Amino acid sequence: MNNRNDFLVVYGQNLSVFSNNCSSYHTFINMSTPDKKYYNAFNLMPQIGPVRFRKLLAHFPSMQIAWEATFSEFKESGLEEKIIERIVDARKNINPDAEFEKLEKENIKIITKNESSYPKNLLEISSAPAMLYVKGEMIPDEFCIGIVGSRKISDYGRRVAEDFARQLSQNGVTLASGMAYGVDTITHRECLKAKTRTLAVLGSGIDERSIYPSSNRQIAQEIANCGCVLSEYPIGTPPLKQNFPARNRIISGLSKGVLVIEASQTSGSLHTARFALEQNREVFAVPGNIYSKNSEGTNSLIKMGAKSACKVEDILEEFNFETNSEIREARKIIPDSPEEELILNNLSFDEALHIDKLAAKTQIKTASLSSLLTLMEMKGMIRDIGGMRYIKK
């Protein structure tokens, strides 16, 4: 976005590339630990959101110790007295073991912020959930783009959504969306057709009964086999209206950038774009018919600095992402020495690495590394994108 201040005034404030074939991801690591049942128990209390979870995590050595804390110990953690009273009262009616058994029956796993399996992109945002409920497999540092848009999609929007979702997924990009009607469902369906990864972020529980919309229960099962269905909300949580803006921050938080396809001026998709902006993500918008209400939001985004996306290359090139996987494979780089191989193994196609960090990773002295990098750039192996920051070419 070029004009961030204008965007925030209008829409409000404070709100390693992987193989993308589903067959590559068939094993979910069992990360069950005794402390997770207490994460879940606290998460059943509406009063405990990301901010109060942070206070508990900072003060107590474990969630089990926090669960057994006294009123005064809760107060020492920084929680408000009225909130502590509610916690102490609610705790009497929650059996952590019984509640955790409900998750196991639904084949739902918990990933906490202190685990390596927690999405690295999501960790970057200030309001990252302390825990996620997941069905399927989460890849912690996958290259992901969020796609959002209108529920009541036009024929034009449908065609655009199908084309962008298909082409992005074919180029190895994981796609995140919210499994709502319209653009979201189209995005997930295209990934399922191509047998590529997709992430569905819900504003409800992810147990079968809570899936929203209910007509997408089958899609949710397919996504769990070919990606991940996730939520910060415990099982049994209905799709409450207030949950969806919070859900949108997770879609953008998981992603390197967000693409908006058709949105009115009041669309929730603009909330996702706003979160993306606040999280320092790229925002893309597809231009639309100037006479269509469904295009008012996307056209306004472009006027205020969002990047216009007329073809999939507009997104891929922004991240120096090869737009044809066959070409990338054909041009596979063969290192000429062990040092070159070491350097290539520590560089990626999409995220630049400064020479100092590369030196630390490879244990090659900076002077020697500088000469090697110059030679490798001449060979067409790597690229200096400025400031002595390098990517694979």
Protein backbone atom coordinates (compact mmCIF):
# COMPACT_ATOMS: atom_id res chain seq x y z
CA MET A 1 0.00 0.00 0.00
CA ASN A 2 1.32 3.44 -0.87
CA ASN A 3 -1.08 5.64 1.08
CA ARG A 4 -1.38 3.80 4.39
CA ASN A 5 -2.67 6.76 6.39
CA ASP A 6 -5.60 7.38 4.04
CA PHE A 7 -6.49 3.69 4.15
CA LEU A 8 -6.48 3.60 7.95
CA VAL A 9 -8.61 6.74 8.23
CA VAL A 10 -11.26 5.28 5.94
CA TYR A 11 -11.34 1.71 7.22
CA GLY A 12 -10.44 2.23 10.88
CA GLN A 13 -7.48 1.35 13.05
CA ASN A 14 -6.47 -1.09 15.73
CA LEU A 15 -8.57 -3.54 14.24
CA SER A 16 10.62 -21.60 2.32
CA VAL A 17 8.44 -22.55 -0.44
CA PHE A 18 6.98 -26.07 -0.13
CA SER A 19 5.82 -28.64 -2.61
CA ASN A 20 2.11 -27.93 -2.68
CA ASN A 21 0.81 -31.38 -3.60
CA CYS A 22 -1.54 -32.88 -1.03
CA SER A 23 0.08 -36.28 -1.33
CA SER A 24 3.22 -34.77 0.22
CA TYR A 25 1.40 -34.11 3.49
CA HIS A 26 -0.22 -37.18 4.95
CA THR A 27 1.13 -37.46 8.48
CA PHE A 28 -0.02 -35.23 11.32
CA ILE A 29 2.52 -35.09 14.13
CA ASN A 30 0.96 -35.97 17.47
CA MET A 31 1.83 -33.00 19.63
CA SER A 32 -0.41 -33.80 22.55
CA THR A 33 1.05 -32.67 25.89
CA PRO A 34 -0.49 -32.64 29.38
CA ASP A 35 -0.49 -28.83 29.49
CA LYS A 36 -2.72 -28.53 26.40
CA LYS A 37 -5.83 -29.61 28.25
CA TYR A 38 -5.40 -26.54 30.46
CA TYR A 39 -4.90 -24.27 27.44
CA ASN A 40 -8.21 -25.60 26.19
CA ALA A 41 -9.85 -25.20 29.60
CA PHE A 42 -8.86 -21.53 29.84
CA ASN A 43 -9.92 -20.98 26.23
CA LEU A 44 -13.44 -22.14 27.14
CA MET A 45 -13.75 -18.93 29.17
CA PRO A 46 -14.83 -15.99 26.95
CA GLN A 47 -12.92 -13.60 29.20
CA ILE A 48 -9.54 -15.12 28.25
CA GLY A 49 -8.43 -13.67 24.92
CA PRO A 50 -4.93 -13.23 23.43
CA VAL A 51 -3.99 -10.37 25.79
CA ARG A 52 -4.96 -12.13 29.03
CA PHE A 53 -3.48 -15.39 27.76
CA ARG A 54 -0.17 -13.54 27.34
CA LYS A 55 -0.34 -12.39 30.96
CA LEU A 56 -0.95 -15.93 32.17
CA LEU A 57 1.86 -17.34 30.02
CA ALA A 58 4.28 -14.65 31.18
CA HIS A 59 3.54 -15.18 34.87
CA PHE A 60 2.98 -18.90 35.33
CA PRO A 61 5.48 -21.68 34.45
CA SER A 62 2.68 -23.77 32.91
CA MET A 63 -1.03 -23.62 32.19
CA GLN A 64 -1.61 -26.39 34.74
CA ILE A 65 -0.08 -24.22 37.48
CA ALA A 66 -2.16 -21.28 36.26
CA TRP A 67 -5.31 -23.41 36.39
CA GLU A 68 -4.62 -24.23 40.04
CA ALA A 69 -3.73 -20.62 40.98
CA THR A 70 -5.30 -18.71 43.85
CA PHE A 71 -7.05 -15.35 43.56
CA SER A 72 -3.94 -13.48 44.72
CA GLU A 73 -1.70 -15.37 42.27
CA PHE A 74 -4.01 -14.44 39.40
CA LYS A 75 -3.87 -10.83 40.57
CA GLU A 76 -0.05 -10.92 40.51
CA SER A 77 -0.25 -11.93 36.84
CA GLY A 78 -1.94 -8.62 36.03
CA LEU A 79 -5.52 -9.81 35.55
CA GLU A 80 -8.37 -7.56 36.70
CA GLU A 81 -10.25 -8.52 39.87
CA LYS A 82 -13.64 -8.85 38.13
CA ILE A 83 -12.10 -11.14 35.52
CA ILE A 84 -10.42 -13.24 38.23
CA GLU A 85 -13.76 -13.68 39.99
CA ARG A 86 -15.30 -14.98 36.76
CA ILE A 87 -12.36 -17.33 36.16
CA VAL A 88 -12.52 -18.78 39.66
CA ASP A 89 -16.27 -19.24 39.34
CA ALA A 90 -16.13 -20.77 35.82
CA ARG A 91 -13.30 -23.11 36.81
CA LYS A 92 -15.66 -25.02 39.12
CA ASN A 93 -17.74 -26.16 36.16
CA ILE A 94 -14.94 -27.13 33.74
CA ASN A 95 -13.29 -30.53 33.76
CA PRO A 96 -10.07 -30.17 31.70
CA ASP A 97 -9.77 -33.92 31.09
CA ALA A 98 -13.36 -34.35 29.94
CA GLU A 99 -13.15 -31.31 27.67
CA PHE A 100 -9.91 -32.55 26.12
CA GLU A 101 -11.50 -35.93 25.41
CA LYS A 102 -14.12 -34.11 23.30
CA LEU A 103 -11.31 -32.77 21.11
CA GLU A 104 -9.77 -36.20 20.69
CA LYS A 105 -13.12 -37.68 19.63
CA GLU A 106 -13.35 -35.01 16.91
CA ASN A 107 -9.72 -35.64 15.85
CA ILE A 108 -8.90 -32.01 16.69
CA LYS A 109 -5.36 -31.11 17.73
CA ILE A 110 -4.10 -28.06 19.60
CA ILE A 111 -1.03 -26.07 18.53
CA THR A 112 0.33 -23.53 21.02
CA LYS A 113 2.51 -20.48 20.37
CA ASN A 114 5.54 -22.08 22.00
CA GLU A 115 5.59 -25.00 19.53
CA SER A 116 7.67 -25.11 16.38
CA SER A 117 4.58 -26.21 14.44
CA TYR A 118 2.84 -22.88 15.12
CA PRO A 119 2.68 -20.82 11.88
CA LYS A 120 5.72 -18.54 11.71
CA ASN A 121 3.87 -15.82 9.78
CA LEU A 122 1.14 -15.71 12.42
CA LEU A 123 3.69 -15.37 15.22
CA GLU A 124 4.68 -12.00 13.75
CA ILE A 125 1.36 -10.30 14.56
CA SER A 126 0.76 -8.68 17.95
CA SER A 127 -2.64 -10.34 18.43
CA ALA A 128 -1.58 -13.89 17.58
CA PRO A 129 -3.79 -16.46 19.33
CA ALA A 130 -2.11 -18.31 22.19
CA MET A 131 -3.43 -21.54 20.70
CA LEU A 132 -5.09 -22.88 17.57
CA TYR A 133 -7.48 -25.78 17.09
CA VAL A 134 -6.57 -27.64 13.91
CA LYS A 135 -7.83 -30.49 11.75
CA GLY A 136 -5.27 -31.57 9.21
CA GLU A 137 -1.63 -30.51 9.07
CA MET A 138 -0.13 -27.11 9.69
CA ILE A 139 3.15 -26.33 7.92
CA PRO A 140 4.84 -23.67 10.07
CA ASP A 141 6.60 -21.60 7.40
CA GLU A 142 4.76 -22.26 4.15
CA PHE A 143 4.36 -19.55 1.50
CA CYS A 144 0.74 -18.48 1.81
CA ILE A 145 -1.56 -15.92 0.16
CA GLY A 146 -4.97 -15.04 1.58
CA ILE A 147 -7.89 -14.72 -0.85
CA VAL A 148 -11.11 -13.03 0.30
CA GLY A 149 -14.11 -11.41 -1.33
CA SER A 150 -17.84 -11.14 -1.66
CA ARG A 151 -20.24 -13.87 -0.58
CA LYS A 152 -22.70 -12.79 -3.29
CA ILE A 153 -20.29 -13.09 -6.15
CA SER A 154 -20.96 -12.05 -9.74
CA ASP A 155 -20.15 -14.18 -12.78
CA TYR A 156 -17.11 -11.95 -13.33
CA GLY A 157 -15.95 -12.43 -9.74
CA ARG A 158 -16.47 -16.17 -9.95
CA ARG A 159 -14.30 -16.42 -13.06
CA VAL A 160 -11.58 -14.25 -11.50
CA ALA A 161 -11.62 -16.25 -8.25
CA GLU A 162 -11.37 -19.55 -10.11
CA ASP A 163 -8.51 -18.35 -12.33
CA PHE A 164 -6.42 -16.77 -9.54
CA ALA A 165 -6.93 -19.64 -7.10
CA ARG A 166 -6.09 -22.27 -9.71
CA GLN A 167 -3.00 -20.48 -11.03
CA LEU A 168 -1.61 -19.51 -7.63
CA SER A 169 -2.02 -23.04 -6.31
CA GLN A 170 -0.43 -24.51 -9.44
CA ASN A 171 2.62 -22.35 -8.74
CA GLY A 172 3.12 -23.84 -5.29
CA VAL A 173 1.32 -21.20 -3.21
CA THR A 174 -0.80 -22.26 -0.24
CA LEU A 175 -4.11 -20.36 -0.22
CA ALA A 176 -5.90 -19.25 2.94
CA SER A 177 -9.53 -18.19 3.14
CA GLY A 178 -12.53 -18.30 5.46
CA MET A 179 -14.73 -21.05 3.92
CA ALA A 180 -17.67 -18.64 3.57
CA TYR A 181 -19.94 -18.66 0.52
CA GLY A 182 -18.68 -17.01 -2.67
CA VAL A 183 -14.99 -16.23 -3.13
CA ASP A 184 -13.86 -18.25 -0.08
CA THR A 185 -15.54 -21.49 -1.13
CA ILE A 186 -14.39 -21.10 -4.75
CA THR A 187 -10.80 -20.66 -3.54
CA HIS A 188 -10.91 -23.83 -1.44
CA ARG A 189 -12.66 -25.83 -4.19
CA GLU A 190 -10.01 -24.92 -6.78
CA CYS A 191 -7.27 -26.10 -4.42
CA LEU A 192 -9.13 -29.34 -3.77
CA LYS A 193 -9.54 -29.93 -7.51
CA ALA A 194 -5.80 -29.43 -8.02
CA LYS A 195 -4.94 -31.49 -4.91
CA THR A 196 -2.96 -28.55 -3.49
CA ARG A 197 -2.82 -27.11 0.02
CA THR A 198 -5.41 -24.72 1.37
CA LEU A 199 -6.10 -23.34 4.86
CA ALA A 200 -9.66 -22.66 6.04
CA VAL A 201 -9.87 -20.25 8.98
CA LEU A 202 -13.23 -20.37 10.75
CA GLY A 203 -15.09 -17.94 12.99
CA SER A 204 -16.67 -20.88 14.83
CA GLY A 205 -15.56 -24.14 16.34
CA ILE A 206 -14.12 -26.69 13.92
CA ASP A 207 -16.09 -29.65 15.26
CA GLU A 208 -18.50 -31.03 12.68
CA ARG A 209 -21.60 -29.59 14.35
CA SER A 210 -20.17 -26.05 14.49
CA ILE A 211 -18.86 -25.86 10.89
CA TYR A 212 -20.28 -22.81 9.14
CA PRO A 213 -21.85 -22.75 6.67
CA SER A 214 -23.15 -26.25 7.40
CA SER A 215 -23.33 -26.97 3.66
CA ASN A 216 -19.51 -26.83 3.64
CA ARG A 217 -19.02 -29.69 6.11
CA GLN A 218 -17.91 -32.01 3.33
CA ILE A 219 -15.48 -29.41 2.00
CA ALA A 220 -14.06 -29.02 5.51
CA GLN A 221 -13.34 -32.76 5.67
CA GLU A 222 -11.61 -32.65 2.30
CA ILE A 223 -9.54 -29.61 3.31
CA ALA A 224 -8.39 -31.42 6.48
CA ASN A 225 -7.04 -34.17 4.23
CA CYS A 226 -5.36 -31.69 1.91
CA GLY A 227 -4.32 -28.83 4.18
CA CYS A 228 -5.78 -27.55 7.42
CA VAL A 229 -9.02 -26.32 8.99
CA LEU A 230 -8.28 -24.09 11.96
CA SER A 231 -9.82 -21.73 14.48
CA GLU A 232 -8.98 -20.01 17.74
CA TYR A 233 -12.48 -20.83 19.05
CA PRO A 234 -13.23 -23.94 21.12
CA ILE A 235 -15.52 -26.68 19.85
CA GLY A 236 -19.20 -25.89 20.13
CA THR A 237 -18.65 -22.19 19.37
CA PRO A 238 -21.41 -21.00 17.01
CA PRO A 239 -20.64 -18.65 14.08
CA LEU A 240 -21.29 -15.45 16.05
CA LYS A 241 -21.14 -12.21 14.08
CA GLN A 242 -18.44 -10.72 16.31
CA ASN A 243 -16.11 -13.68 15.67
CA PHE A 244 -15.53 -12.95 11.99
CA PRO A 245 -13.50 -9.71 12.22
CA ALA A 246 -11.17 -11.50 14.65
CA ARG A 247 -11.05 -14.49 12.27
CA ASN A 248 -9.97 -12.15 9.46
CA ARG A 249 -6.80 -11.09 11.31
CA ILE A 250 -5.71 -14.74 11.31
CA ILE A 251 -6.25 -15.11 7.54
CA SER A 252 -4.02 -12.09 6.90
CA GLY A 253 -1.61 -13.10 9.65
CA LEU A 254 -0.99 -16.49 8.05
CA SER A 255 -0.29 -14.86 4.69
CA LYS A 256 2.48 -12.96 2.95
CA GLY A 257 -0.19 -10.94 1.19
CA VAL A 258 -3.96 -10.71 0.78
CA LEU A 259 -5.90 -10.61 -2.49
CA VAL A 260 -9.39 -9.05 -2.44
CA ILE A 261 -11.73 -10.18 -5.23
CA GLU A 262 -15.01 -8.22 -5.35
CA ALA A 263 -16.05 -6.36 -2.22
CA SER A 264 -18.67 -3.73 -1.49
CA GLN A 265 -17.84 -0.75 0.69
CA THR A 266 -19.24 -2.61 3.73
CA SER A 267 -17.70 -6.01 2.99
CA GLY A 268 -15.89 -7.90 5.73
CA SER A 269 -13.15 -8.50 3.17
CA LEU A 270 -12.06 -4.90 3.72
CA HIS A 271 -11.49 -5.77 7.39
CA THR A 272 -9.07 -8.46 6.23
CA ALA A 273 -7.33 -5.92 3.99
CA ARG A 274 -7.08 -3.54 6.90
CA PHE A 275 -5.55 -6.19 9.14
CA ALA A 276 -3.11 -7.08 6.36
CA LEU A 277 -2.04 -3.45 6.19
CA GLU A 278 -1.56 -3.22 9.96
CA GLN A 279 0.44 -6.46 9.88
CA ASN A 280 2.72 -5.11 7.15
CA ARG A 281 1.40 -7.55 4.54
CA GLU A 282 0.94 -6.72 0.88
CA VAL A 283 -2.61 -5.91 -0.20
CA PHE A 284 -3.78 -6.72 -3.75
CA ALA A 285 -7.17 -5.96 -5.27
CA VAL A 286 -8.78 -7.02 -8.54
CA PRO A 287 -10.23 -4.05 -10.48
CA GLY A 288 -13.95 -4.33 -11.16
CA ASN A 289 -16.90 -2.83 -12.99
CA ILE A 290 -17.27 0.83 -11.91
CA TYR A 291 -21.08 0.44 -11.99
CA SER A 292 -21.14 -2.60 -9.71
CA LYS A 293 -21.56 -2.25 -5.93
CA ASN A 294 -19.48 -5.43 -5.60
CA SER A 295 -16.51 -3.56 -7.05
CA GLU A 296 -16.76 -0.38 -4.97
CA GLY A 297 -14.56 -1.75 -2.19
CA THR A 298 -11.85 -3.22 -4.41
CA ASN A 299 -11.70 -0.15 -6.64
CA SER A 300 -11.40 2.07 -3.55
CA LEU A 301 -8.53 -0.09 -2.26
CA ILE A 302 -6.66 0.44 -5.52
CA LYS A 303 -7.29 4.22 -5.40
CA MET A 304 -5.73 4.31 -1.95
CA GLY A 305 -2.63 2.34 -2.83
CA ALA A 306 -3.43 -1.38 -2.95
CA LYS A 307 -1.61 -3.15 -5.76
CA SER A 308 -3.82 -3.82 -8.77
CA ALA A 309 -3.93 -7.53 -9.62
CA CYS A 310 -4.98 -8.18 -13.21
CA LYS A 311 -3.08 -11.45 -13.57
CA VAL A 312 -1.47 -13.94 -11.23
CA GLU A 313 2.04 -12.71 -12.17
CA ASP A 314 1.21 -9.39 -10.48
CA ILE A 315 1.22 -11.26 -7.18
CA LEU A 316 3.97 -13.79 -7.79
CA GLU A 317 6.44 -11.23 -9.11
CA GLU A 318 5.92 -9.07 -6.03
CA PHE A 319 7.52 -11.86 -3.99
CA ASN A 320 10.15 -12.85 -6.61
CA PHE A 321 8.24 -16.10 -6.96
CA GLU A 322 8.86 -18.13 -10.11
CA THR A 323 5.65 -18.10 -12.16
CA ASN A 324 6.13 -21.51 -13.73
CA SER A 325 7.17 -24.49 -11.64
CA GLU A 326 8.27 -26.45 -14.74
CA ILE A 327 10.62 -23.64 -15.73
CA ARG A 328 12.01 -23.54 -12.21
CA GLU A 329 12.67 -27.29 -12.29
CA ALA A 330 14.27 -27.07 -15.74
CA ARG A 331 16.56 -24.33 -14.49
CA LYS A 332 17.50 -26.19 -11.34
CA ILE A 333 20.83 -24.85 -10.18
CA ILE A 334 23.75 -27.24 -9.78
CA PRO A 335 26.38 -25.90 -7.37
CA ASP A 336 30.04 -26.10 -8.46
CA SER A 337 31.48 -26.54 -4.97
CA PRO A 338 30.47 -27.56 -1.43
CA GLU A 339 30.52 -23.87 -0.43
CA GLU A 340 28.09 -22.94 -3.22
CA GLU A 341 25.81 -25.79 -2.20
CA LEU A 342 25.88 -24.58 1.41
CA ILE A 343 24.97 -21.05 0.32
CA LEU A 344 22.11 -22.25 -1.91
CA ASN A 345 20.73 -24.44 0.88
CA ASN A 346 20.44 -21.36 3.08
CA LEU A 347 18.77 -19.08 0.51
CA SER A 348 15.18 -19.16 -0.74
CA PHE A 349 13.35 -17.87 -3.80
CA ASP A 350 11.05 -15.55 -1.86
CA GLU A 351 12.76 -14.27 1.32
CA ALA A 352 15.97 -12.26 1.04
CA LEU A 353 18.83 -12.92 3.46
CA HIS A 354 21.45 -10.33 4.42
CA ILE A 355 25.09 -11.31 3.95
CA ASP A 356 25.76 -11.09 7.70
CA LYS A 357 22.98 -13.58 8.49
CA LEU A 358 24.12 -15.80 5.65
CA ALA A 359 27.66 -15.75 7.04
CA ALA A 360 26.35 -16.78 10.45
CA LYS A 361 24.31 -19.62 8.95
CA THR A 362 27.07 -20.97 6.68
CA GLN A 363 30.03 -20.21 8.96
CA ILE A 364 31.86 -18.81 5.91
CA LYS A 365 33.98 -15.72 6.62
CA THR A 366 32.36 -12.56 5.28
CA ALA A 367 35.24 -11.67 2.94
CA SER A 368 35.24 -15.12 1.33
CA LEU A 369 31.44 -15.18 1.26
CA SER A 370 31.30 -11.83 -0.54
CA SER A 371 33.58 -13.17 -3.30
CA LEU A 372 31.53 -16.36 -3.61
CA LEU A 373 28.27 -14.41 -3.83
CA THR A 374 29.67 -12.17 -6.57
CA LEU A 375 30.76 -15.20 -8.57
CA MET A 376 27.42 -16.98 -8.04
CA GLU A 377 25.53 -13.89 -9.16
CA MET A 378 27.61 -13.80 -12.35
CA LYS A 379 26.67 -17.45 -12.94
CA GLY A 380 22.97 -16.59 -12.58
CA MET A 381 22.55 -18.66 -9.42
CA ILE A 382 21.52 -15.90 -7.04
CA ARG A 383 20.42 -12.29 -7.07
CA ASP A 384 21.33 -9.28 -4.92
CA ILE A 385 18.05 -7.38 -4.45
CA GLY A 386 19.81 -4.46 -2.76
CA GLY A 387 21.47 -3.78 0.59
CA MET A 388 23.57 -6.96 0.30
CA ARG A 389 20.39 -9.06 0.61
CA TYR A 390 20.27 -12.21 -1.53
CA ILE A 391 17.73 -14.66 -2.95
CA LYS A 392 17.94 -17.67 -5.26
CA LYS A 393 17.38 -16.69 -8.86
